[in-house]
Every structure is written in structure tokens, then in C-alpha cells.
Amino acid sequence: METIKNIQKVGIWFFAILGGIYIMSGLMILADFYKIHATITHQTIQIPFIISALVYGISQLVEGFTEPGQLNKKILIPAGATLGTFIMLIIVFEIIFPDLTP
């Protein structure tokens, strides 16, 4: 169970930092401030931001459904499968439907 708590601690930091960078780059694009660099950053940071959100969210879900001190494999396996499926779908959709805006 300590592993899930450590994943949550790291996940929330990644989510906060990547989310802040994602929002700031979006605002920089809207303001035409370093537009080329902000666009590259915005498109590059998108997948890691989504993955960090999924990792943190699923770790919260797993912790919420387990008793303190125990790790329930009936919850951990579907949660891991869901995480893997979402990550694969995100990557596939980014490859099939890329953002082609200049």
C-alpha cells in the first residue's frame, strides 16, 4: 500500500507541474508570445500531462477501494488494464489524428 501512496505523491507533482506548463503554453499561444516555442511545448506536453492525470487518478481510485494496509488485486488488475488501455488509445489517436495547425 505504501507503493500506491508514493505513486500518488509523485503523480500529483507531475500533474501540477505539467498542467501548469500546459496552461501557460496555451495562454502564450493566445497572446502571440513566443508562439512557435509555445506551440511546440503545448503539443509536446499534452501526452505526458494526460498520462500523469491518469496515473494519479487511478492511484487515488485504488487507494479509495482498498482497506488500509492491504492491496486488493481484484481492484489493482482492472485499474492497471484501464490505465494501459487509455495510454494506448491516447498514443494511437495522436498518431492517427495529429494536430496539423501551424
C-alpha atoms as a PDB file:
ATOM      1  CA  MET A   1       0.000   0.000   0.000  1.00  0.00           C
ATOM      2  CA  GLU A   2       2.970   2.265   0.557  1.00  0.00           C
ATOM      3  CA  THR A   3       3.747   1.996  -3.164  1.00  0.00           C
ATOM      4  CA  ILE A   4       0.343   3.420  -4.098  1.00  0.00           C
ATOM      5  CA  LYS A   5       0.866   6.365  -1.732  1.00  0.00           C
ATOM      6  CA  ASN A   6       4.290   7.044  -3.242  1.00  0.00           C
ATOM      7  CA  ILE A   7       2.796   6.907  -6.744  1.00  0.00           C
ATOM      8  CA  GLN A   8       0.175   9.428  -5.627  1.00  0.00           C
ATOM      9  CA  LYS A   9       2.783  11.785  -4.205  1.00  0.00           C
ATOM     10  CA  VAL A  10       4.844  11.719  -7.384  1.00  0.00           C
ATOM     11  CA  GLY A  11       1.759  11.753  -9.612  1.00  0.00           C
ATOM     12  CA  ILE A  12       0.306  14.904  -8.082  1.00  0.00           C
ATOM     13  CA  TRP A  13       3.599  16.749  -8.565  1.00  0.00           C
ATOM     14  CA  PHE A  14       3.842  15.670 -12.205  1.00  0.00           C
ATOM     15  CA  PHE A  15       0.181  16.571 -12.743  1.00  0.00           C
ATOM     16  CA  ALA A  16       0.593  20.024 -11.190  1.00  0.00           C
ATOM     17  CA  ILE A  17       3.839  20.889 -12.971  1.00  0.00           C
ATOM     18  CA  LEU A  18       2.816  19.546 -16.381  1.00  0.00           C
ATOM     19  CA  GLY A  19      -0.652  21.083 -16.027  1.00  0.00           C
ATOM     20  CA  GLY A  20       0.859  24.465 -15.233  1.00  0.00           C
ATOM     21  CA  ILE A  21       3.182  24.262 -18.222  1.00  0.00           C
ATOM     22  CA  TYR A  22       0.290  23.169 -20.455  1.00  0.00           C
ATOM     23  CA  ILE A  23      -1.931  26.049 -19.344  1.00  0.00           C
ATOM     24  CA  MET A  24       0.879  28.617 -19.587  1.00  0.00           C
ATOM     25  CA  SER A  25       1.840  27.483 -23.085  1.00  0.00           C
ATOM     26  CA  GLY A  26      -1.811  27.727 -24.141  1.00  0.00           C
ATOM     27  CA  LEU A  27      -2.011  31.263 -22.798  1.00  0.00           C
ATOM     28  CA  MET A  28       1.250  32.148 -24.538  1.00  0.00           C
ATOM     29  CA  ILE A  29      -0.191  30.887 -27.838  1.00  0.00           C
ATOM     30  CA  LEU A  30      -3.295  33.044 -27.368  1.00  0.00           C
ATOM     31  CA  ALA A  31      -1.175  36.112 -26.600  1.00  0.00           C
ATOM     32  CA  ASP A  32       1.188  35.503 -29.566  1.00  0.00           C
ATOM     33  CA  PHE A  33       4.096  35.448 -27.122  1.00  0.00           C
ATOM     34  CA  TYR A  34       6.877  33.138 -28.366  1.00  0.00           C
ATOM     35  CA  LYS A  35       4.181  31.455 -30.434  1.00  0.00           C
ATOM     36  CA  ILE A  36       6.399  28.888 -32.190  1.00  0.00           C
ATOM     37  CA  HIS A  37       8.092  27.729 -28.987  1.00  0.00           C
ATOM     38  CA  ALA A  38       4.823  27.742 -27.054  1.00  0.00           C
ATOM     39  CA  THR A  39       3.110  25.678 -29.762  1.00  0.00           C
ATOM     40  CA  ILE A  40       5.874  23.084 -29.718  1.00  0.00           C
ATOM     41  CA  THR A  41       5.733  22.930 -25.923  1.00  0.00           C
ATOM     42  CA  HIS A  42       1.933  22.743 -25.930  1.00  0.00           C
ATOM     43  CA  GLN A  43       1.866  19.849 -28.392  1.00  0.00           C
ATOM     44  CA  THR A  44       4.748  18.007 -26.723  1.00  0.00           C
ATOM     45  CA  ILE A  45       3.499  18.248 -23.143  1.00  0.00           C
ATOM     46  CA  GLN A  46      -0.022  17.056 -23.955  1.00  0.00           C
ATOM     47  CA  ILE A  47       0.531  13.283 -23.720  1.00  0.00           C
ATOM     48  CA  PRO A  48       2.671  13.348 -20.529  1.00  0.00           C
ATOM     49  CA  PHE A  49       0.071  15.607 -18.893  1.00  0.00           C
ATOM     50  CA  ILE A  50      -2.752  13.185 -19.716  1.00  0.00           C
ATOM     51  CA  ILE A  51      -0.710  10.187 -18.575  1.00  0.00           C
ATOM     52  CA  SER A  52       0.163  11.857 -15.263  1.00  0.00           C
ATOM     53  CA  ALA A  53      -3.514  12.688 -14.718  1.00  0.00           C
ATOM     54  CA  LEU A  54      -4.491   9.071 -15.384  1.00  0.00           C
ATOM     55  CA  VAL A  55      -1.786   7.680 -13.101  1.00  0.00           C
ATOM     56  CA  TYR A  56      -2.770   9.981 -10.249  1.00  0.00           C
ATOM     57  CA  GLY A  57      -6.492   9.395 -10.739  1.00  0.00           C
ATOM     58  CA  ILE A  58      -6.225   5.623 -10.864  1.00  0.00           C
ATOM     59  CA  SER A  59      -3.900   5.535  -7.849  1.00  0.00           C
ATOM     60  CA  GLN A  60      -6.491   7.574  -5.937  1.00  0.00           C
ATOM     61  CA  LEU A  61      -9.179   5.138  -7.073  1.00  0.00           C
ATOM     62  CA  VAL A  62      -7.163   2.093  -5.996  1.00  0.00           C
ATOM     63  CA  GLU A  63      -6.445   3.620  -2.592  1.00  0.00           C
ATOM     64  CA  GLY A  64     -10.093   4.505  -2.119  1.00  0.00           C
ATOM     65  CA  PHE A  65     -11.295   0.960  -2.758  1.00  0.00           C
ATOM     66  CA  THR A  66      -8.751  -0.853  -0.579  1.00  0.00           C
ATOM     67  CA  GLU A  67      -8.578  -1.209   3.171  1.00  0.00           C
ATOM     68  CA  PRO A  68      -5.633   0.486   4.894  1.00  0.00           C
ATOM     69  CA  GLY A  69      -2.547  -1.704   4.827  1.00  0.00           C
ATOM     70  CA  GLN A  70      -3.888  -4.153   2.232  1.00  0.00           C
ATOM     71  CA  LEU A  71      -3.562  -4.226  -1.530  1.00  0.00           C
ATOM     72  CA  ASN A  72      -6.561  -5.750  -3.292  1.00  0.00           C
ATOM     73  CA  LYS A  73      -5.565  -7.429  -6.553  1.00  0.00           C
ATOM     74  CA  LYS A  74      -9.202  -7.527  -7.684  1.00  0.00           C
ATOM     75  CA  ILE A  75      -9.025  -3.751  -7.997  1.00  0.00           C
ATOM     76  CA  LEU A  76      -5.388  -3.365  -8.990  1.00  0.00           C
ATOM     77  CA  ILE A  77      -5.583  -5.532 -12.134  1.00  0.00           C
ATOM     78  CA  PRO A  78      -8.600  -3.766 -13.734  1.00  0.00           C
ATOM     79  CA  ALA A  79      -7.146  -0.382 -12.763  1.00  0.00           C
ATOM     80  CA  GLY A  80      -3.834  -1.238 -14.430  1.00  0.00           C
ATOM     81  CA  ALA A  81      -5.626  -2.562 -17.503  1.00  0.00           C
ATOM     82  CA  THR A  82      -7.690   0.625 -17.702  1.00  0.00           C
ATOM     83  CA  LEU A  83      -4.580   2.770 -17.382  1.00  0.00           C
ATOM     84  CA  GLY A  84      -2.780   0.793 -20.085  1.00  0.00           C
ATOM     85  CA  THR A  85      -5.791   0.944 -22.403  1.00  0.00           C
ATOM     86  CA  PHE A  86      -6.171   4.705 -22.042  1.00  0.00           C
ATOM     87  CA  ILE A  87      -2.467   5.301 -22.617  1.00  0.00           C
ATOM     88  CA  MET A  88      -2.525   3.159 -25.766  1.00  0.00           C
ATOM     89  CA  LEU A  89      -5.659   4.939 -27.043  1.00  0.00           C
ATOM     90  CA  ILE A  90      -4.113   8.352 -26.463  1.00  0.00           C
ATOM     91  CA  ILE A  91      -0.956   7.404 -28.327  1.00  0.00           C
ATOM     92  CA  VAL A  92      -2.886   5.800 -31.208  1.00  0.00           C
ATOM     93  CA  PHE A  93      -5.188   8.811 -31.587  1.00  0.00           C
ATOM     94  CA  GLU A  94      -2.212  11.184 -31.541  1.00  0.00           C
ATOM     95  CA  ILE A  95      -0.610   9.179 -34.348  1.00  0.00           C
ATOM     96  CA  ILE A  96      -3.778   8.760 -36.440  1.00  0.00           C
ATOM     97  CA  PHE A  97      -5.154  12.282 -35.918  1.00  0.00           C
ATOM     98  CA  PRO A  98      -2.184  14.613 -35.377  1.00  0.00           C
ATOM     99  CA  ASP A  99      -2.699  18.303 -34.728  1.00  0.00           C
ATOM    100  CA  LEU A 100      -1.612  19.875 -38.004  1.00  0.00           C
ATOM    101  CA  THR A 101      -2.106  23.521 -37.099  1.00  0.00           C
ATOM    102  CA  PRO A 102       0.995  25.603 -37.828  1.00  0.00           C
END
